[in-house]
Amino acid sequence: MPNNSNATRSLLSKFFRKNNVFKGVPDIIGFHKKTGRFIGVEIKTGSDRVSMEQAHFLTMLQQSGGVAIVCRDFDAFLAEYNAKC
């Protein structure tokens, strides 16, 4: 089931509505089927940087034995995924 961690545009008022969710949740979350390890992938484009909340979440994820990945393209993701999983 998907988890919407972003603000959404209200169809009626045309304003952004902020969701009441935990800040810093990665763009893609899942788990490794064989090991059960939690995987969080933060996707960045252009000059976008990891926020303080995102860095905190990724640090907590790693300290808990999960896999935290920050990538800018699919090749970088794949290389990091193969190295960590």
PDB file of N, CA and C in Angstrom:
ATOM      1  N   MET A   1       0.843  -1.171   0.000  1.00  0.00           N
ATOM      2  CA  MET A   1       0.000   0.000   0.000  1.00  0.00           C
ATOM      3  C   MET A   1       0.891   1.238   0.000  1.00  0.00           C
ATOM      4  N   PRO A   2       0.641   2.206  -0.851  1.00  0.00           N
ATOM      5  CA  PRO A   2       1.467   3.402  -0.929  1.00  0.00           C
ATOM      6  C   PRO A   2       1.322   4.291   0.302  1.00  0.00           C
ATOM      7  N   ASN A   3       2.358   5.037   0.582  1.00  0.00           N
ATOM      8  CA  ASN A   3       2.347   6.002   1.672  1.00  0.00           C
ATOM      9  C   ASN A   3       2.625   7.368   1.078  1.00  0.00           C
ATOM     10  N   ASN A   4       1.659   8.261   1.155  1.00  0.00           N
ATOM     11  CA  ASN A   4       1.844   9.598   0.615  1.00  0.00           C
ATOM     12  C   ASN A   4       2.518  10.460   1.666  1.00  0.00           C
ATOM     13  N   SER A   5       3.762  10.838   1.420  1.00  0.00           N
ATOM     14  CA  SER A   5       4.498  11.658   2.378  1.00  0.00           C
ATOM     15  C   SER A   5       4.682  13.086   1.875  1.00  0.00           C
ATOM     16  N   ASN A   6       3.967  13.432   0.820  1.00  0.00           N
ATOM     17  CA  ASN A   6       4.112  14.763   0.233  1.00  0.00           C
ATOM     18  C   ASN A   6       2.871  15.604   0.461  1.00  0.00           C
ATOM     19  N   ALA A   7       3.026  16.899   0.288  1.00  0.00           N
ATOM     20  CA  ALA A   7       1.862  17.782   0.305  1.00  0.00           C
ATOM     21  C   ALA A   7       1.067  17.532  -0.975  1.00  0.00           C
ATOM     22  N   THR A   8      -0.222  17.708  -0.900  1.00  0.00           N
ATOM     23  CA  THR A   8      -1.065  17.489  -2.070  1.00  0.00           C
ATOM     24  C   THR A   8      -1.879  18.734  -2.362  1.00  0.00           C
ATOM     25  N   ARG A   9      -2.226  18.903  -3.608  1.00  0.00           N
ATOM     26  CA  ARG A   9      -3.032  20.054  -4.013  1.00  0.00           C
ATOM     27  C   ARG A   9      -4.502  19.705  -3.831  1.00  0.00           C
ATOM     28  N   SER A  10      -5.205  20.569  -3.123  1.00  0.00           N
ATOM     29  CA  SER A  10      -6.636  20.379  -2.922  1.00  0.00           C
ATOM     30  C   SER A  10      -7.363  20.655  -4.232  1.00  0.00           C
ATOM     31  N   LEU A  11      -8.237  19.756  -4.639  1.00  0.00           N
ATOM     32  CA  LEU A  11      -8.967  19.929  -5.892  1.00  0.00           C
ATOM     33  C   LEU A  11      -9.985  21.059  -5.801  1.00  0.00           C
ATOM     34  N   LEU A  12     -10.508  21.309  -4.620  1.00  0.00           N
ATOM     35  CA  LEU A  12     -11.528  22.344  -4.465  1.00  0.00           C
ATOM     36  C   LEU A  12     -10.943  23.737  -4.313  1.00  0.00           C
ATOM     37  N   SER A  13      -9.952  23.876  -3.446  1.00  0.00           N
ATOM     38  CA  SER A  13      -9.436  25.218  -3.154  1.00  0.00           C
ATOM     39  C   SER A  13      -8.193  25.591  -3.951  1.00  0.00           C
ATOM     40  N   LYS A  14      -7.590  24.649  -4.638  1.00  0.00           N
ATOM     41  CA  LYS A  14      -6.381  24.861  -5.449  1.00  0.00           C
ATOM     42  C   LYS A  14      -5.171  25.278  -4.616  1.00  0.00           C
ATOM     43  N   PHE A  15      -5.177  24.976  -3.318  1.00  0.00           N
ATOM     44  CA  PHE A  15      -4.044  25.245  -2.451  1.00  0.00           C
ATOM     45  C   PHE A  15      -3.408  23.922  -2.046  1.00  0.00           C
ATOM     46  N   PHE A  16      -2.133  24.006  -1.670  1.00  0.00           N
ATOM     47  CA  PHE A  16      -1.468  22.803  -1.201  1.00  0.00           C
ATOM     48  C   PHE A  16      -1.918  22.502   0.220  1.00  0.00           C
ATOM     49  N   ARG A  17      -2.158  21.239   0.481  1.00  0.00           N
ATOM     50  CA  ARG A  17      -2.556  20.778   1.807  1.00  0.00           C
ATOM     51  C   ARG A  17      -1.440  19.890   2.323  1.00  0.00           C
ATOM     52  N   LYS A  18      -0.913  20.239   3.475  1.00  0.00           N
ATOM     53  CA  LYS A  18       0.173  19.463   4.057  1.00  0.00           C
ATOM     54  C   LYS A  18      -0.408  18.267   4.794  1.00  0.00           C
ATOM     55  N   ASN A  19       0.149  17.096   4.524  1.00  0.00           N
ATOM     56  CA  ASN A  19      -0.310  15.888   5.197  1.00  0.00           C
ATOM     57  C   ASN A  19       0.292  15.808   6.588  1.00  0.00           C
ATOM     58  N   ASN A  20      -0.397  15.200   7.496  1.00  0.00           N
ATOM     59  CA  ASN A  20       0.099  15.016   8.859  1.00  0.00           C
ATOM     60  C   ASN A  20       0.844  13.694   8.937  1.00  0.00           C
ATOM     61  N   VAL A  21       2.072  13.708   8.453  1.00  0.00           N
ATOM     62  CA  VAL A  21       2.899  12.510   8.447  1.00  0.00           C
ATOM     63  C   VAL A  21       4.252  12.831   9.061  1.00  0.00           C
ATOM     64  N   PHE A  22       5.002  11.801   9.351  1.00  0.00           N
ATOM     65  CA  PHE A  22       6.345  11.944   9.888  1.00  0.00           C
ATOM     66  C   PHE A  22       7.232  12.597   8.838  1.00  0.00           C
ATOM     67  N   LYS A  23       7.905  13.682   9.193  1.00  0.00           N
ATOM     68  CA  LYS A  23       8.783  14.372   8.242  1.00  0.00           C
ATOM     69  C   LYS A  23      10.036  13.557   7.975  1.00  0.00           C
ATOM     70  N   GLY A  24      10.513  13.621   6.738  1.00  0.00           N
ATOM     71  CA  GLY A  24      11.768  12.986   6.375  1.00  0.00           C
ATOM     72  C   GLY A  24      11.637  11.588   5.805  1.00  0.00           C
ATOM     73  N   VAL A  25      10.410  11.075   5.674  1.00  0.00           N
ATOM     74  CA  VAL A  25      10.222   9.731   5.127  1.00  0.00           C
ATOM     75  C   VAL A  25      10.729   9.703   3.687  1.00  0.00           C
ATOM     76  N   PRO A  26      11.542   8.704   3.316  1.00  0.00           N
ATOM     77  CA  PRO A  26      12.096   8.640   1.965  1.00  0.00           C
ATOM     78  C   PRO A  26      11.009   8.556   0.883  1.00  0.00           C
ATOM     79  N   ASP A  27      11.393   8.904  -0.338  1.00  0.00           N
ATOM     80  CA  ASP A  27      10.469   8.866  -1.472  1.00  0.00           C
ATOM     81  C   ASP A  27       9.968   7.453  -1.752  1.00  0.00           C
ATOM     82  N   ILE A  28      10.857   6.487  -1.651  1.00  0.00           N
ATOM     83  CA  ILE A  28      10.487   5.085  -1.888  1.00  0.00           C
ATOM     84  C   ILE A  28      10.853   4.292  -0.647  1.00  0.00           C
ATOM     85  N   ILE A  29       9.896   3.515  -0.137  1.00  0.00           N
ATOM     86  CA  ILE A  29      10.169   2.655   1.005  1.00  0.00           C
ATOM     87  C   ILE A  29       9.747   1.233   0.664  1.00  0.00           C
ATOM     88  N   GLY A  30      10.476   0.281   1.204  1.00  0.00           N
ATOM     89  CA  GLY A  30      10.161  -1.118   0.942  1.00  0.00           C
ATOM     90  C   GLY A  30      11.032  -2.001   1.805  1.00  0.00           C
ATOM     91  N   PHE A  31      11.100  -3.274   1.447  1.00  0.00           N
ATOM     92  CA  PHE A  31      11.944  -4.200   2.182  1.00  0.00           C
ATOM     93  C   PHE A  31      12.538  -5.216   1.226  1.00  0.00           C
ATOM     94  N   HIS A  32      13.696  -5.749   1.621  1.00  0.00           N
ATOM     95  CA  HIS A  32      14.376  -6.772   0.839  1.00  0.00           C
ATOM     96  C   HIS A  32      13.666  -8.087   1.109  1.00  0.00           C
ATOM     97  N   LYS A  33      13.169  -8.723   0.095  1.00  0.00           N
ATOM     98  CA  LYS A  33      12.317  -9.898   0.252  1.00  0.00           C
ATOM     99  C   LYS A  33      13.013 -11.052   0.975  1.00  0.00           C
ATOM    100  N   LYS A  34      14.285 -11.286   0.704  1.00  0.00           N
ATOM    101  CA  LYS A  34      14.982 -12.424   1.312  1.00  0.00           C
ATOM    102  C   LYS A  34      15.450 -12.142   2.740  1.00  0.00           C
ATOM    103  N   THR A  35      15.893 -10.913   2.999  1.00  0.00           N
ATOM    104  CA  THR A  35      16.455 -10.599   4.313  1.00  0.00           C
ATOM    105  C   THR A  35      15.475  -9.886   5.236  1.00  0.00           C
ATOM    106  N   GLY A  36      14.454  -9.269   4.673  1.00  0.00           N
ATOM    107  CA  GLY A  36      13.500  -8.512   5.477  1.00  0.00           C
ATOM    108  C   GLY A  36      13.998  -7.145   5.887  1.00  0.00           C
ATOM    109  N   ARG A  37      15.155  -6.736   5.399  1.00  0.00           N
ATOM    110  CA  ARG A  37      15.706  -5.417   5.751  1.00  0.00           C
ATOM    111  C   ARG A  37      14.884  -4.306   5.121  1.00  0.00           C
ATOM    112  N   PHE A  38      14.600  -3.278   5.916  1.00  0.00           N
ATOM    113  CA  PHE A  38      13.875  -2.102   5.449  1.00  0.00           C
ATOM    114  C   PHE A  38      14.785  -1.313   4.513  1.00  0.00           C
ATOM    115  N   ILE A  39      14.241  -0.820   3.414  1.00  0.00           N
ATOM    116  CA  ILE A  39      15.003  -0.027   2.453  1.00  0.00           C
ATOM    117  C   ILE A  39      14.301   1.300   2.249  1.00  0.00           C
ATOM    118  N   GLY A  40      15.056   2.389   2.370  1.00  0.00           N
ATOM    119  CA  GLY A  40      14.537   3.729   2.112  1.00  0.00           C
ATOM    120  C   GLY A  40      15.379   4.387   1.042  1.00  0.00           C
ATOM    121  N   VAL A  41      14.723   4.881  -0.009  1.00  0.00           N
ATOM    122  CA  VAL A  41      15.433   5.512  -1.125  1.00  0.00           C
ATOM    123  C   VAL A  41      14.961   6.956  -1.248  1.00  0.00           C
ATOM    124  N   GLU A  42      15.891   7.874  -1.132  1.00  0.00           N
ATOM    125  CA  GLU A  42      15.613   9.297  -1.293  1.00  0.00           C
ATOM    126  C   GLU A  42      16.127   9.701  -2.671  1.00  0.00           C
ATOM    127  N   ILE A  43      15.243  10.241  -3.499  1.00  0.00           N
ATOM    128  CA  ILE A  43      15.595  10.625  -4.867  1.00  0.00           C
ATOM    129  C   ILE A  43      15.790  12.130  -4.934  1.00  0.00           C
ATOM    130  N   LYS A  44      16.905  12.545  -5.481  1.00  0.00           N
ATOM    131  CA  LYS A  44      17.211  13.970  -5.618  1.00  0.00           C
ATOM    132  C   LYS A  44      17.491  14.295  -7.077  1.00  0.00           C
ATOM    133  N   THR A  45      17.055  15.466  -7.505  1.00  0.00           N
ATOM    134  CA  THR A  45      17.294  15.920  -8.874  1.00  0.00           C
ATOM    135  C   THR A  45      17.851  17.335  -8.846  1.00  0.00           C
ATOM    136  N   GLY A  46      18.566  17.686  -9.887  1.00  0.00           N
ATOM    137  CA  GLY A  46      19.104  19.040  -9.999  1.00  0.00           C
ATOM    138  C   GLY A  46      19.941  19.416  -8.795  1.00  0.00           C
ATOM    139  N   SER A  47      19.655  20.581  -8.214  1.00  0.00           N
ATOM    140  CA  SER A  47      20.419  21.054  -7.058  1.00  0.00           C
ATOM    141  C   SER A  47      19.728  20.707  -5.739  1.00  0.00           C
ATOM    142  N   ASP A  48      18.704  19.873  -5.798  1.00  0.00           N
ATOM    143  CA  ASP A  48      17.974  19.451  -4.598  1.00  0.00           C
ATOM    144  C   ASP A  48      18.918  18.729  -3.638  1.00  0.00           C
ATOM    145  N   ARG A  49      18.776  19.018  -2.344  1.00  0.00           N
ATOM    146  CA  ARG A  49      19.632  18.403  -1.325  1.00  0.00           C
ATOM    147  C   ARG A  49      18.785  17.698  -0.278  1.00  0.00           C
ATOM    148  N   VAL A  50      19.431  16.811   0.456  1.00  0.00           N
ATOM    149  CA  VAL A  50      18.764  16.084   1.535  1.00  0.00           C
ATOM    150  C   VAL A  50      18.487  17.064   2.675  1.00  0.00           C
ATOM    151  N   SER A  51      17.224  17.109   3.130  1.00  0.00           N
ATOM    152  CA  SER A  51      16.862  18.009   4.233  1.00  0.00           C
ATOM    153  C   SER A  51      17.360  17.426   5.558  1.00  0.00           C
ATOM    154  N   MET A  52      17.328  18.242   6.598  1.00  0.00           N
ATOM    155  CA  MET A  52      17.744  17.799   7.916  1.00  0.00           C
ATOM    156  C   MET A  52      16.869  16.631   8.397  1.00  0.00           C
ATOM    157  N   GLU A  53      15.561  16.713   8.143  1.00  0.00           N
ATOM    158  CA  GLU A  53      14.644  15.649   8.546  1.00  0.00           C
ATOM    159  C   GLU A  53      14.921  14.356   7.775  1.00  0.00           C
ATOM    160  N   GLN A  54      15.208  14.483   6.483  1.00  0.00           N
ATOM    161  CA  GLN A  54      15.518  13.314   5.664  1.00  0.00           C
ATOM    162  C   GLN A  54      16.823  12.664   6.120  1.00  0.00           C
ATOM    163  N   ALA A  55      17.838  13.481   6.399  1.00  0.00           N
ATOM    164  CA  ALA A  55      19.121  12.954   6.873  1.00  0.00           C
ATOM    165  C   ALA A  55      18.945  12.232   8.201  1.00  0.00           C
ATOM    166  N   HIS A  56      18.127  12.791   9.090  1.00  0.00           N
ATOM    167  CA  HIS A  56      17.865  12.161  10.385  1.00  0.00           C
ATOM    168  C   HIS A  56      17.182  10.809  10.192  1.00  0.00           C
ATOM    169  N   PHE A  57      16.167  10.759   9.333  1.00  0.00           N
ATOM    170  CA  PHE A  57      15.461   9.501   9.085  1.00  0.00           C
ATOM    171  C   PHE A  57      16.411   8.458   8.515  1.00  0.00           C
ATOM    172  N   LEU A  58      17.222   8.841   7.530  1.00  0.00           N
ATOM    173  CA  LEU A  58      18.155   7.898   6.908  1.00  0.00           C
ATOM    174  C   LEU A  58      19.203   7.407   7.899  1.00  0.00           C
ATOM    175  N   THR A  59      19.652   8.276   8.799  1.00  0.00           N
ATOM    176  CA  THR A  59      20.597   7.876   9.837  1.00  0.00           C
ATOM    177  C   THR A  59      19.952   6.870  10.789  1.00  0.00           C
ATOM    178  N   MET A  60      18.720   7.153  11.229  1.00  0.00           N
ATOM    179  CA  MET A  60      18.005   6.218  12.108  1.00  0.00           C
ATOM    180  C   MET A  60      17.801   4.877  11.412  1.00  0.00           C
ATOM    181  N   LEU A  61      17.498   4.921  10.120  1.00  0.00           N
ATOM    182  CA  LEU A  61      17.294   3.702   9.351  1.00  0.00           C
ATOM    183  C   LEU A  61      18.568   2.853   9.328  1.00  0.00           C
ATOM    184  N   GLN A  62      19.702   3.482   9.051  1.00  0.00           N
ATOM    185  CA  GLN A  62      20.977   2.752   9.019  1.00  0.00           C
ATOM    186  C   GLN A  62      21.326   2.195  10.393  1.00  0.00           C
ATOM    187  N   GLN A  63      21.124   2.988  11.446  1.00  0.00           N
ATOM    188  CA  GLN A  63      21.451   2.539  12.800  1.00  0.00           C
ATOM    189  C   GLN A  63      20.566   1.379  13.234  1.00  0.00           C
ATOM    190  N   SER A  64      19.410   1.241  12.600  1.00  0.00           N
ATOM    191  CA  SER A  64      18.482   0.154  12.931  1.00  0.00           C
ATOM    192  C   SER A  64      18.708  -1.083  12.066  1.00  0.00           C
ATOM    193  N   GLY A  65      19.723  -1.045  11.207  1.00  0.00           N
ATOM    194  CA  GLY A  65      20.035  -2.193  10.363  1.00  0.00           C
ATOM    195  C   GLY A  65      19.376  -2.159   8.998  1.00  0.00           C
ATOM    196  N   GLY A  66      18.732  -1.048   8.674  1.00  0.00           N
ATOM    197  CA  GLY A  66      18.106  -0.905   7.370  1.00  0.00           C
ATOM    198  C   GLY A  66      19.083  -0.384   6.333  1.00  0.00           C
ATOM    199  N   VAL A  67      18.598  -0.239   5.121  1.00  0.00           N
ATOM    200  CA  VAL A  67      19.404   0.242   3.998  1.00  0.00           C
ATOM    201  C   VAL A  67      18.896   1.620   3.596  1.00  0.00           C
ATOM    202  N   ALA A  68      19.771   2.617   3.651  1.00  0.00           N
ATOM    203  CA  ALA A  68      19.424   3.982   3.266  1.00  0.00           C
ATOM    204  C   ALA A  68      20.200   4.346   2.007  1.00  0.00           C
ATOM    205  N   ILE A  69      19.480   4.806   0.989  1.00  0.00           N
ATOM    206  CA  ILE A  69      20.103   5.143  -0.290  1.00  0.00           C
ATOM    207  C   ILE A  69      19.640   6.530  -0.722  1.00  0.00           C
ATOM    208  N   VAL A  70      20.591   7.364  -1.128  1.00  0.00           N
ATOM    209  CA  VAL A  70      20.291   8.658  -1.741  1.00  0.00           C
ATOM    210  C   VAL A  70      20.859   8.591  -3.146  1.00  0.00           C
ATOM    211  N   CYS A  71      20.024   8.880  -4.151  1.00  0.00           N
ATOM    212  CA  CYS A  71      20.517   8.767  -5.526  1.00  0.00           C
ATOM    213  C   CYS A  71      19.939   9.864  -6.413  1.00  0.00           C
ATOM    214  N   ARG A  72      20.625  10.099  -7.521  1.00  0.00           N
ATOM    215  CA  ARG A  72      20.193  11.100  -8.502  1.00  0.00           C
ATOM    216  C   ARG A  72      19.805  10.473  -9.834  1.00  0.00           C
ATOM    217  N   ASP A  73      20.153   9.197 -10.028  1.00  0.00           N
ATOM    218  CA  ASP A  73      19.750   8.505 -11.253  1.00  0.00           C
ATOM    219  C   ASP A  73      19.689   7.004 -10.983  1.00  0.00           C
ATOM    220  N   PHE A  74      19.117   6.263 -11.911  1.00  0.00           N
ATOM    221  CA  PHE A  74      18.891   4.843 -11.705  1.00  0.00           C
ATOM    222  C   PHE A  74      20.194   4.056 -11.592  1.00  0.00           C
ATOM    223  N   ASP A  75      21.200   4.413 -12.398  1.00  0.00           N
ATOM    224  CA  ASP A  75      22.477   3.696 -12.347  1.00  0.00           C
ATOM    225  C   ASP A  75      23.124   3.832 -10.971  1.00  0.00           C
ATOM    226  N   ALA A  76      23.074   5.041 -10.388  1.00  0.00           N
ATOM    227  CA  ALA A  76      23.628   5.256  -9.048  1.00  0.00           C
ATOM    228  C   ALA A  76      22.841   4.458  -8.015  1.00  0.00           C
ATOM    229  N   PHE A  77      21.519   4.424  -8.156  1.00  0.00           N
ATOM    230  CA  PHE A  77      20.696   3.630  -7.251  1.00  0.00           C
ATOM    231  C   PHE A  77      21.082   2.163  -7.326  1.00  0.00           C
ATOM    232  N   LEU A  78      21.152   1.647  -8.538  1.00  0.00           N
ATOM    233  CA  LEU A  78      21.441   0.224  -8.735  1.00  0.00           C
ATOM    234  C   LEU A  78      22.799  -0.159  -8.156  1.00  0.00           C
ATOM    235  N   ALA A  79      23.800   0.672  -8.371  1.00  0.00           N
ATOM    236  CA  ALA A  79      25.139   0.393  -7.842  1.00  0.00           C
ATOM    237  C   ALA A  79      25.113   0.382  -6.315  1.00  0.00           C
ATOM    238  N   GLU A  80      24.450   1.348  -5.703  1.00  0.00           N
ATOM    239  CA  GLU A  80      24.398   1.406  -4.244  1.00  0.00           C
ATOM    240  C   GLU A  80      23.551   0.267  -3.675  1.00  0.00           C
ATOM    241  N   TYR A  81      22.452  -0.046  -4.338  1.00  0.00           N
ATOM    242  CA  TYR A  81      21.593  -1.155  -3.904  1.00  0.00           C
ATOM    243  C   TYR A  81      22.373  -2.464  -3.919  1.00  0.00           C
ATOM    244  N   ASN A  82      23.083  -2.730  -5.017  1.00  0.00           N
ATOM    245  CA  ASN A  82      23.862  -3.973  -5.125  1.00  0.00           C
ATOM    246  C   ASN A  82      24.989  -4.031  -4.091  1.00  0.00           C
ATOM    247  N   ALA A  83      25.553  -2.879  -3.734  1.00  0.00           N
ATOM    248  CA  ALA A  83      26.633  -2.852  -2.750  1.00  0.00           C
ATOM    249  C   ALA A  83      26.102  -3.063  -1.331  1.00  0.00           C
ATOM    250  N   LYS A  84      24.891  -2.607  -1.051  1.00  0.00           N
ATOM    251  CA  LYS A  84      24.369  -2.649   0.320  1.00  0.00           C
ATOM    252  C   LYS A  84      23.444  -3.835   0.590  1.00  0.00           C
ATOM    253  N   CYS A  85      22.893  -4.449  -0.444  1.00  0.00           N
ATOM    254  CA  CYS A  85      21.910  -5.521  -0.206  1.00  0.00           C
ATOM    255  C   CYS A  85      22.427  -6.887  -0.540  1.00  0.00           C
TER     256      CYS A  85
END
